[in-house]
Amino acid sequence: MTAKWIETVTGSLEQKKQYKQAKSRMDALPEPYRTVAAAYNRYLMYYGGVTEGGTMVQMFTDLADLWERAAIDGAPIGGIVGEDPIEFAETFAQAYGGKRWIDKERERLTKAVEDARKKEAES
């Protein structure tokens, strides 16, 4: 009962465990992959804005898979991320659908403009 209540308040404990496992896998990578994986992990936490736990966990699990495979293959960092590391990160994040925190703000902005237009038309 208590665990269910805690999960309702804080989110899925299983998802937190899965995220920590993915993070540990990235922390265990050899350099320079560890540093780059950590940088992408941080960036995606801010940029990704995914609000659904399962989607977020999948994104970070896939990120760990990507960098583990790159390390095993000895792939050059530039061969993975290309010329623009930001574009790579944002394209990677866009591959994961689901609700994002910005969606709610987009809806609010659209509604505010629509409401203002209606009031303007009425006057």
N, C-alpha and C. Protein backbone atom coordinates (compact mmCIF):
# COMPACT_ATOMS: atom_id res chain seq x y z
N MET A 1 0.83 -1.20 0.00
CA MET A 1 0.00 0.00 0.00
C MET A 1 0.87 1.26 0.00
N THR A 2 1.86 1.30 0.88
CA THR A 2 2.72 2.47 0.97
C THR A 2 3.49 2.69 -0.33
N ALA A 3 4.03 1.62 -0.91
CA ALA A 3 4.79 1.74 -2.16
C ALA A 3 3.92 2.31 -3.27
N LYS A 4 2.67 1.89 -3.33
CA LYS A 4 1.73 2.39 -4.35
C LYS A 4 1.50 3.88 -4.16
N TRP A 5 1.34 4.31 -2.93
CA TRP A 5 1.13 5.72 -2.64
C TRP A 5 2.35 6.54 -3.02
N ILE A 6 3.54 6.04 -2.67
CA ILE A 6 4.78 6.74 -3.01
C ILE A 6 4.92 6.86 -4.52
N GLU A 7 4.62 5.80 -5.25
CA GLU A 7 4.70 5.85 -6.71
C GLU A 7 3.72 6.86 -7.29
N THR A 8 2.56 6.99 -6.68
CA THR A 8 1.59 7.96 -7.15
C THR A 8 2.15 9.37 -7.02
N VAL A 9 2.86 9.63 -5.94
CA VAL A 9 3.41 10.95 -5.69
C VAL A 9 4.69 11.20 -6.49
N THR A 10 5.59 10.23 -6.52
CA THR A 10 6.93 10.46 -7.10
C THR A 10 7.15 9.84 -8.46
N GLY A 11 6.26 8.99 -8.91
CA GLY A 11 6.46 8.30 -10.18
C GLY A 11 6.89 6.87 -9.94
N SER A 12 6.99 6.12 -11.01
CA SER A 12 7.28 4.70 -10.94
C SER A 12 8.67 4.42 -10.38
N LEU A 13 8.72 3.60 -9.33
CA LEU A 13 10.01 3.21 -8.76
C LEU A 13 10.77 2.33 -9.74
N GLU A 14 10.06 1.52 -10.51
CA GLU A 14 10.70 0.66 -11.51
C GLU A 14 11.36 1.50 -12.59
N GLN A 15 10.70 2.56 -13.01
CA GLN A 15 11.28 3.44 -14.03
C GLN A 15 12.52 4.16 -13.50
N LYS A 16 12.47 4.56 -12.25
CA LYS A 16 13.65 5.20 -11.65
C LYS A 16 14.81 4.22 -11.62
N LYS A 17 14.52 2.98 -11.29
CA LYS A 17 15.55 1.94 -11.26
C LYS A 17 16.13 1.73 -12.66
N GLN A 18 15.27 1.68 -13.67
CA GLN A 18 15.73 1.49 -15.05
C GLN A 18 16.58 2.67 -15.51
N TYR A 19 16.18 3.89 -15.14
CA TYR A 19 16.98 5.07 -15.50
C TYR A 19 18.36 4.99 -14.84
N LYS A 20 18.38 4.64 -13.57
CA LYS A 20 19.67 4.54 -12.86
C LYS A 20 20.56 3.47 -13.49
N GLN A 21 19.97 2.38 -13.96
CA GLN A 21 20.76 1.35 -14.64
C GLN A 21 21.35 1.89 -15.93
N ALA A 22 20.57 2.61 -16.70
CA ALA A 22 21.08 3.20 -17.95
C ALA A 22 22.19 4.20 -17.65
N LYS A 23 22.00 5.00 -16.61
CA LYS A 23 23.02 5.99 -16.21
C LYS A 23 24.29 5.29 -15.77
N SER A 24 24.17 4.21 -15.02
CA SER A 24 25.34 3.44 -14.58
C SER A 24 26.09 2.85 -15.76
N ARG A 25 25.35 2.39 -16.75
CA ARG A 25 25.99 1.85 -17.96
C ARG A 25 26.80 2.93 -18.67
N MET A 26 26.25 4.14 -18.74
CA MET A 26 26.98 5.24 -19.38
C MET A 26 28.20 5.65 -18.54
N ASP A 27 28.05 5.62 -17.22
CA ASP A 27 29.17 5.96 -16.33
C ASP A 27 30.31 4.95 -16.44
N ALA A 28 30.00 3.73 -16.86
CA ALA A 28 31.00 2.67 -16.97
C ALA A 28 31.73 2.67 -18.32
N LEU A 29 31.33 3.53 -19.22
CA LEU A 29 31.97 3.57 -20.54
C LEU A 29 33.41 4.06 -20.45
N PRO A 30 34.25 3.60 -21.38
CA PRO A 30 35.62 4.15 -21.42
C PRO A 30 35.59 5.57 -21.99
N GLU A 31 36.62 6.33 -21.70
CA GLU A 31 36.75 7.67 -22.29
C GLU A 31 37.09 7.53 -23.76
N PRO A 32 36.71 8.41 -24.61
CA PRO A 32 35.95 9.65 -24.41
C PRO A 32 34.43 9.44 -24.44
N TYR A 33 34.00 8.20 -24.62
CA TYR A 33 32.57 7.92 -24.73
C TYR A 33 31.81 8.28 -23.45
N ARG A 34 32.45 8.06 -22.29
CA ARG A 34 31.79 8.37 -21.01
C ARG A 34 31.46 9.86 -20.93
N THR A 35 32.43 10.69 -21.26
CA THR A 35 32.22 12.14 -21.17
C THR A 35 31.13 12.59 -22.13
N VAL A 36 31.16 12.09 -23.35
CA VAL A 36 30.16 12.49 -24.35
C VAL A 36 28.78 11.96 -23.96
N ALA A 37 28.69 10.72 -23.50
CA ALA A 37 27.40 10.16 -23.08
C ALA A 37 26.82 10.96 -21.92
N ALA A 38 27.67 11.35 -20.97
CA ALA A 38 27.21 12.15 -19.83
C ALA A 38 26.70 13.52 -20.29
N ALA A 39 27.39 14.10 -21.26
CA ALA A 39 26.97 15.40 -21.79
C ALA A 39 25.62 15.29 -22.49
N TYR A 40 25.44 14.23 -23.26
CA TYR A 40 24.14 14.04 -23.94
C TYR A 40 23.05 13.72 -22.93
N ASN A 41 23.36 12.95 -21.91
CA ASN A 41 22.39 12.64 -20.86
C ASN A 41 21.89 13.94 -20.22
N ARG A 42 22.82 14.80 -19.87
CA ARG A 42 22.46 16.08 -19.25
C ARG A 42 21.62 16.93 -20.20
N TYR A 43 22.07 17.05 -21.44
CA TYR A 43 21.36 17.88 -22.42
C TYR A 43 19.94 17.37 -22.64
N LEU A 44 19.81 16.07 -22.77
CA LEU A 44 18.48 15.49 -23.03
C LEU A 44 17.55 15.63 -21.83
N MET A 45 18.11 15.66 -20.63
CA MET A 45 17.27 15.89 -19.45
C MET A 45 16.63 17.27 -19.53
N TYR A 46 17.39 18.24 -20.02
CA TYR A 46 16.86 19.60 -20.15
C TYR A 46 16.04 19.77 -21.42
N TYR A 47 16.58 19.33 -22.54
CA TYR A 47 15.92 19.56 -23.82
C TYR A 47 14.75 18.62 -24.06
N GLY A 48 14.93 17.35 -23.71
CA GLY A 48 13.93 16.34 -24.05
C GLY A 48 12.54 16.69 -23.56
N GLY A 49 12.43 17.14 -22.32
CA GLY A 49 11.16 17.57 -21.78
C GLY A 49 10.06 16.53 -21.78
N VAL A 50 10.42 15.27 -21.88
CA VAL A 50 9.43 14.20 -21.93
C VAL A 50 8.82 14.05 -20.54
N THR A 51 7.49 14.00 -20.49
CA THR A 51 6.82 13.89 -19.19
C THR A 51 6.37 12.47 -18.88
N GLU A 52 6.37 11.60 -19.88
CA GLU A 52 5.96 10.21 -19.66
C GLU A 52 7.20 9.40 -19.29
N GLY A 53 7.15 8.82 -18.09
CA GLY A 53 8.30 8.10 -17.57
C GLY A 53 8.80 6.98 -18.45
N GLY A 54 7.88 6.18 -19.00
CA GLY A 54 8.28 5.05 -19.84
C GLY A 54 9.03 5.50 -21.08
N THR A 55 8.57 6.59 -21.68
CA THR A 55 9.22 7.13 -22.88
C THR A 55 10.61 7.64 -22.53
N MET A 56 10.70 8.35 -21.41
CA MET A 56 11.99 8.90 -20.99
C MET A 56 12.99 7.78 -20.68
N VAL A 57 12.55 6.77 -19.98
CA VAL A 57 13.43 5.64 -19.66
C VAL A 57 13.92 4.98 -20.94
N GLN A 58 13.03 4.80 -21.90
CA GLN A 58 13.42 4.18 -23.17
C GLN A 58 14.47 5.03 -23.89
N MET A 59 14.29 6.34 -23.87
CA MET A 59 15.24 7.23 -24.53
C MET A 59 16.63 7.09 -23.91
N PHE A 60 16.72 7.06 -22.59
CA PHE A 60 18.02 6.97 -21.94
C PHE A 60 18.61 5.56 -22.04
N THR A 61 17.77 4.55 -22.08
CA THR A 61 18.26 3.19 -22.31
C THR A 61 18.85 3.09 -23.71
N ASP A 62 18.17 3.66 -24.68
CA ASP A 62 18.68 3.65 -26.06
C ASP A 62 19.97 4.46 -26.18
N LEU A 63 20.06 5.55 -25.43
CA LEU A 63 21.28 6.35 -25.44
C LEU A 63 22.45 5.53 -24.90
N ALA A 64 22.21 4.79 -23.81
CA ALA A 64 23.25 3.92 -23.26
C ALA A 64 23.64 2.84 -24.27
N ASP A 65 22.65 2.24 -24.92
CA ASP A 65 22.92 1.23 -25.96
C ASP A 65 23.80 1.81 -27.07
N LEU A 66 23.46 3.01 -27.52
CA LEU A 66 24.20 3.66 -28.60
C LEU A 66 25.67 3.84 -28.24
N TRP A 67 25.93 4.38 -27.06
CA TRP A 67 27.32 4.66 -26.68
C TRP A 67 28.08 3.40 -26.32
N GLU A 68 27.40 2.41 -25.77
CA GLU A 68 28.08 1.12 -25.54
C GLU A 68 28.51 0.50 -26.87
N ARG A 69 27.62 0.51 -27.84
CA ARG A 69 27.94 -0.05 -29.16
C ARG A 69 29.08 0.72 -29.82
N ALA A 70 29.04 2.05 -29.70
CA ALA A 70 30.11 2.88 -30.27
C ALA A 70 31.45 2.55 -29.63
N ALA A 71 31.45 2.37 -28.31
CA ALA A 71 32.69 2.05 -27.59
C ALA A 71 33.22 0.68 -28.01
N ILE A 72 32.34 -0.30 -28.11
CA ILE A 72 32.74 -1.65 -28.52
C ILE A 72 33.34 -1.62 -29.92
N ASP A 73 32.69 -0.87 -30.82
CA ASP A 73 33.15 -0.80 -32.21
C ASP A 73 34.34 0.14 -32.39
N GLY A 74 34.62 0.95 -31.38
CA GLY A 74 35.69 1.94 -31.51
C GLY A 74 35.34 3.04 -32.50
N ALA A 75 34.05 3.31 -32.63
CA ALA A 75 33.58 4.32 -33.59
C ALA A 75 34.02 5.72 -33.14
N PRO A 76 34.45 6.54 -34.10
CA PRO A 76 34.82 7.91 -33.73
C PRO A 76 33.58 8.71 -33.31
N ILE A 77 33.74 9.58 -32.34
CA ILE A 77 32.63 10.38 -31.82
C ILE A 77 31.95 11.14 -32.96
N GLY A 78 32.75 11.77 -33.82
CA GLY A 78 32.20 12.52 -34.95
C GLY A 78 31.40 11.66 -35.90
N GLY A 79 31.75 10.39 -35.98
CA GLY A 79 30.99 9.48 -36.84
C GLY A 79 29.62 9.18 -36.27
N ILE A 80 29.45 9.34 -34.99
CA ILE A 80 28.16 9.11 -34.33
C ILE A 80 27.32 10.39 -34.36
N VAL A 81 27.89 11.49 -33.90
CA VAL A 81 27.10 12.72 -33.73
C VAL A 81 27.13 13.64 -34.95
N GLY A 82 28.04 13.42 -35.87
CA GLY A 82 28.12 14.29 -37.04
C GLY A 82 28.77 15.62 -36.72
N GLU A 83 28.53 16.58 -37.58
CA GLU A 83 29.16 17.90 -37.45
C GLU A 83 28.54 18.75 -36.35
N ASP A 84 27.25 18.57 -36.11
CA ASP A 84 26.53 19.42 -35.16
C ASP A 84 26.00 18.58 -34.00
N PRO A 85 26.66 18.65 -32.84
CA PRO A 85 26.22 17.82 -31.71
C PRO A 85 24.82 18.19 -31.20
N ILE A 86 24.43 19.44 -31.35
CA ILE A 86 23.09 19.87 -30.91
C ILE A 86 22.02 19.25 -31.81
N GLU A 87 22.26 19.32 -33.10
CA GLU A 87 21.30 18.75 -34.05
C GLU A 87 21.13 17.25 -33.80
N PHE A 88 22.24 16.57 -33.52
CA PHE A 88 22.16 15.13 -33.22
C PHE A 88 21.27 14.90 -32.00
N ALA A 89 21.51 15.66 -30.92
CA ALA A 89 20.75 15.47 -29.68
C ALA A 89 19.27 15.74 -29.89
N GLU A 90 18.96 16.80 -30.60
CA GLU A 90 17.57 17.17 -30.77
C GLU A 90 16.84 16.22 -31.71
N THR A 91 17.53 15.72 -32.72
CA THR A 91 16.95 14.72 -33.61
C THR A 91 16.72 13.42 -32.85
N PHE A 92 17.69 13.04 -32.02
CA PHE A 92 17.58 11.84 -31.19
C PHE A 92 16.34 11.96 -30.29
N ALA A 93 16.17 13.10 -29.63
CA ALA A 93 15.04 13.29 -28.71
C ALA A 93 13.70 13.28 -29.45
N GLN A 94 13.67 13.83 -30.65
CA GLN A 94 12.42 13.89 -31.41
C GLN A 94 11.93 12.52 -31.83
N ALA A 95 12.83 11.55 -31.84
CA ALA A 95 12.43 10.19 -32.21
C ALA A 95 11.54 9.55 -31.14
N TYR A 96 11.47 10.18 -29.98
CA TYR A 96 10.68 9.65 -28.87
C TYR A 96 9.45 10.52 -28.70
N GLY A 97 8.31 10.00 -29.12
CA GLY A 97 7.06 10.74 -29.02
C GLY A 97 6.67 10.92 -27.57
N GLY A 98 5.43 11.12 -27.38
CA GLY A 98 4.93 11.28 -26.03
C GLY A 98 4.77 12.75 -25.68
N LYS A 99 4.11 12.97 -24.57
CA LYS A 99 3.87 14.34 -24.13
C LYS A 99 5.16 14.94 -23.59
N ARG A 100 5.33 16.20 -23.89
CA ARG A 100 6.46 16.97 -23.39
C ARG A 100 5.90 18.13 -22.57
N TRP A 101 6.71 18.62 -21.64
CA TRP A 101 6.23 19.69 -20.78
C TRP A 101 5.84 20.92 -21.59
N ILE A 102 6.50 21.17 -22.71
CA ILE A 102 6.22 22.35 -23.52
C ILE A 102 4.86 22.27 -24.20
N ASP A 103 4.32 21.06 -24.38
CA ASP A 103 3.02 20.90 -25.03
C ASP A 103 1.93 21.70 -24.31
N LYS A 104 1.94 21.64 -22.99
CA LYS A 104 0.94 22.35 -22.19
C LYS A 104 1.08 23.86 -22.39
N GLU A 105 2.31 24.35 -22.45
CA GLU A 105 2.54 25.78 -22.64
C GLU A 105 2.15 26.22 -24.05
N ARG A 106 2.37 25.36 -25.02
CA ARG A 106 1.93 25.68 -26.39
C ARG A 106 0.41 25.81 -26.44
N GLU A 107 -0.28 24.91 -25.76
CA GLU A 107 -1.75 24.96 -25.72
C GLU A 107 -2.22 26.25 -25.05
N ARG A 108 -1.56 26.62 -23.95
CA ARG A 108 -1.93 27.86 -23.25
C ARG A 108 -1.72 29.08 -24.13
N LEU A 109 -0.59 29.13 -24.82
CA LEU A 109 -0.29 30.26 -25.69
C LEU A 109 -1.32 30.36 -26.81
N THR A 110 -1.60 29.24 -27.45
CA THR A 110 -2.57 29.22 -28.54
C THR A 110 -3.94 29.68 -28.06
N LYS A 111 -4.37 29.19 -26.90
CA LYS A 111 -5.67 29.57 -26.35
C LYS A 111 -5.71 31.05 -26.01
N ALA A 112 -4.64 31.58 -25.42
CA ALA A 112 -4.61 33.00 -25.07
C ALA A 112 -4.74 33.88 -26.31
N VAL A 113 -4.04 33.52 -27.38
CA VAL A 113 -4.12 34.29 -28.62
C VAL A 113 -5.52 34.18 -29.23
N GLU A 114 -6.08 32.97 -29.25
CA GLU A 114 -7.43 32.78 -29.79
C GLU A 114 -8.46 33.58 -29.00
N ASP A 115 -8.36 33.54 -27.67
CA ASP A 115 -9.29 34.29 -26.83
C ASP A 115 -9.18 35.79 -27.09
N ALA A 116 -7.96 36.27 -27.23
CA ALA A 116 -7.74 37.70 -27.49
C ALA A 116 -8.33 38.09 -28.85
N ARG A 117 -8.17 37.24 -29.83
CA ARG A 117 -8.74 37.52 -31.16
C ARG A 117 -10.27 37.58 -31.11
N LYS A 118 -10.87 36.66 -30.35
CA LYS A 118 -12.34 36.65 -30.22
C LYS A 118 -12.83 37.94 -29.57
N LYS A 119 -12.16 38.36 -28.49
CA LYS A 119 -12.56 39.59 -27.80
C LYS A 119 -12.38 40.79 -28.71
N GLU A 120 -11.30 40.77 -29.48
CA GLU A 120 -11.01 41.86 -30.41
C GLU A 120 -12.10 41.94 -31.48
N ALA A 121 -12.54 40.79 -31.98
CA ALA A 121 -13.57 40.75 -33.02
C ALA A 121 -14.93 41.20 -32.49
N GLU A 122 -15.18 40.96 -31.21
CA GLU A 122 -16.46 41.33 -30.60
C GLU A 122 -16.56 42.84 -30.38
N SER A 123 -15.43 43.51 -30.27
CA SER A 123 -15.49 44.95 -29.98
C SER A 123 -15.56 45.81 -31.19
